[in-house]
């Protein structure tokens, strides 16, 4: 049996763009989930205990934790990419 064709390997620029996209999504997840989790916890403090309020607060708290984990994972992947290909690999310079 032969190996399945996985397609062409993305260029360094495409890989750098993919890292930037993953990093942006992780940062967005972290910031937005943290803000919403804080809001849910404030609602819990002000309005009192309720199962749905706790559920909302916990869902967004776990989403913020996921954002932290994904942000660190992307940072580790970028460092490995730069170690393999060089510090500025795939970075585009603006045309003037």
Protein backbone atom coordinates (compact mmCIF):
# COMPACT_ATOMS: atom_id res chain seq x y z
CA UNK A 1 0.00 0.00 0.00
CA UNK A 2 1.14 3.49 -0.71
CA UNK A 3 0.96 6.54 1.50
CA UNK A 4 -2.12 8.71 0.99
CA UNK A 5 -1.47 11.98 -0.80
CA UNK A 6 -1.87 14.74 1.78
CA UNK A 7 -1.38 17.51 -0.73
CA UNK A 8 1.35 20.09 -1.05
CA UNK A 9 3.14 21.38 2.03
CA UNK A 10 2.08 24.97 2.78
CA UNK A 11 4.68 27.66 2.19
CA UNK A 12 6.39 29.40 5.09
CA UNK A 13 4.21 32.46 4.54
CA UNK A 14 1.04 30.35 4.69
CA UNK A 15 2.26 28.64 7.85
CA UNK A 16 3.03 32.02 9.46
CA UNK A 17 -0.45 33.28 8.51
CA UNK A 18 -2.01 30.13 10.02
CA UNK A 19 -0.09 30.73 13.27
CA UNK A 20 -1.28 34.34 13.33
CA UNK A 21 -4.88 33.21 12.80
CA UNK A 22 -4.64 30.64 15.61
CA UNK A 23 -2.99 33.21 17.90
CA UNK A 24 -5.69 35.81 17.17
CA UNK A 25 -8.49 33.32 17.84
CA UNK A 26 -6.87 32.20 21.11
CA UNK A 27 -6.45 35.81 22.23
CA UNK A 28 -10.04 36.64 21.27
CA UNK A 29 -11.30 33.57 23.16
CA UNK A 30 -9.25 34.45 26.22
CA UNK A 31 -10.27 38.11 26.40
CA UNK A 32 -13.95 37.73 25.54
CA UNK A 33 -14.47 34.70 27.78
CA UNK A 34 -12.74 36.42 30.69
CA UNK A 35 -14.90 39.52 30.36
CA UNK A 36 -18.11 37.49 30.11
CA UNK A 37 -17.10 35.19 33.00
CA UNK A 38 -16.44 38.23 35.20
CA UNK A 39 -19.86 39.59 34.24
CA UNK A 40 -21.52 36.28 35.17
CA UNK A 41 -19.71 36.18 38.53
CA UNK A 42 -20.79 39.77 39.21
CA UNK A 43 -24.38 38.79 38.40
CA UNK A 44 -24.00 35.89 40.86
CA UNK A 45 -22.77 38.26 43.56
CA UNK A 46 -25.49 40.85 42.94
CA UNK A 47 -28.53 38.64 42.23
CA UNK A 48 -27.70 35.54 44.23
CA UNK A 49 -27.35 31.85 43.53
CA UNK A 50 -29.00 30.17 40.60
CA UNK A 51 -28.01 27.05 38.67
CA UNK A 52 -28.09 28.74 35.26
CA UNK A 53 -25.98 31.65 36.48
CA UNK A 54 -23.40 29.23 37.84
CA UNK A 55 -23.50 27.30 34.59
CA UNK A 56 -22.91 30.45 32.55
CA UNK A 57 -20.07 31.56 34.79
CA UNK A 58 -18.39 28.16 34.68
CA UNK A 59 -18.76 27.75 30.91
CA UNK A 60 -17.05 31.06 30.24
CA UNK A 61 -14.43 30.46 32.93
CA UNK A 62 -13.52 27.17 31.25
CA UNK A 63 -13.51 28.94 27.88
CA UNK A 64 -11.02 31.44 29.27
CA UNK A 65 -8.85 28.56 30.48
CA UNK A 66 -9.07 27.03 27.00
CA UNK A 67 -7.95 30.38 25.56
CA UNK A 68 -4.89 30.38 27.82
CA UNK A 69 -4.01 26.81 26.88
CA UNK A 70 -4.44 27.46 23.16
CA UNK A 71 -2.45 30.72 23.33
CA UNK A 72 0.45 28.91 25.01
CA UNK A 73 0.22 26.06 22.48
CA UNK A 74 0.39 28.49 19.55
CA UNK A 75 3.32 30.31 21.12
CA UNK A 76 5.15 27.00 21.53
CA UNK A 77 4.40 26.06 17.91
CA UNK A 78 5.67 29.43 16.66
CA UNK A 79 8.90 29.02 18.63
CA UNK A 80 9.40 25.54 17.17
CA UNK A 81 8.67 26.90 13.66
CA UNK A 82 11.20 29.71 14.11
CA UNK A 83 13.76 27.33 15.53
CA UNK A 84 13.41 25.08 12.48
CA UNK A 85 13.19 27.76 9.76
CA UNK A 86 14.78 30.87 11.28
CA UNK A 87 13.50 33.84 13.25
CA UNK A 88 11.93 35.77 10.37
CA UNK A 89 10.75 32.80 8.31
CA UNK A 90 7.52 33.46 6.50
CA UNK A 91 7.20 37.04 7.71
CA UNK A 92 6.14 39.39 4.95
CA UNK A 93 7.61 42.84 4.71
CA UNK A 94 5.34 45.68 3.54
CA UNK A 95 5.85 46.94 -0.01
CA UNK A 96 6.53 50.68 -0.28
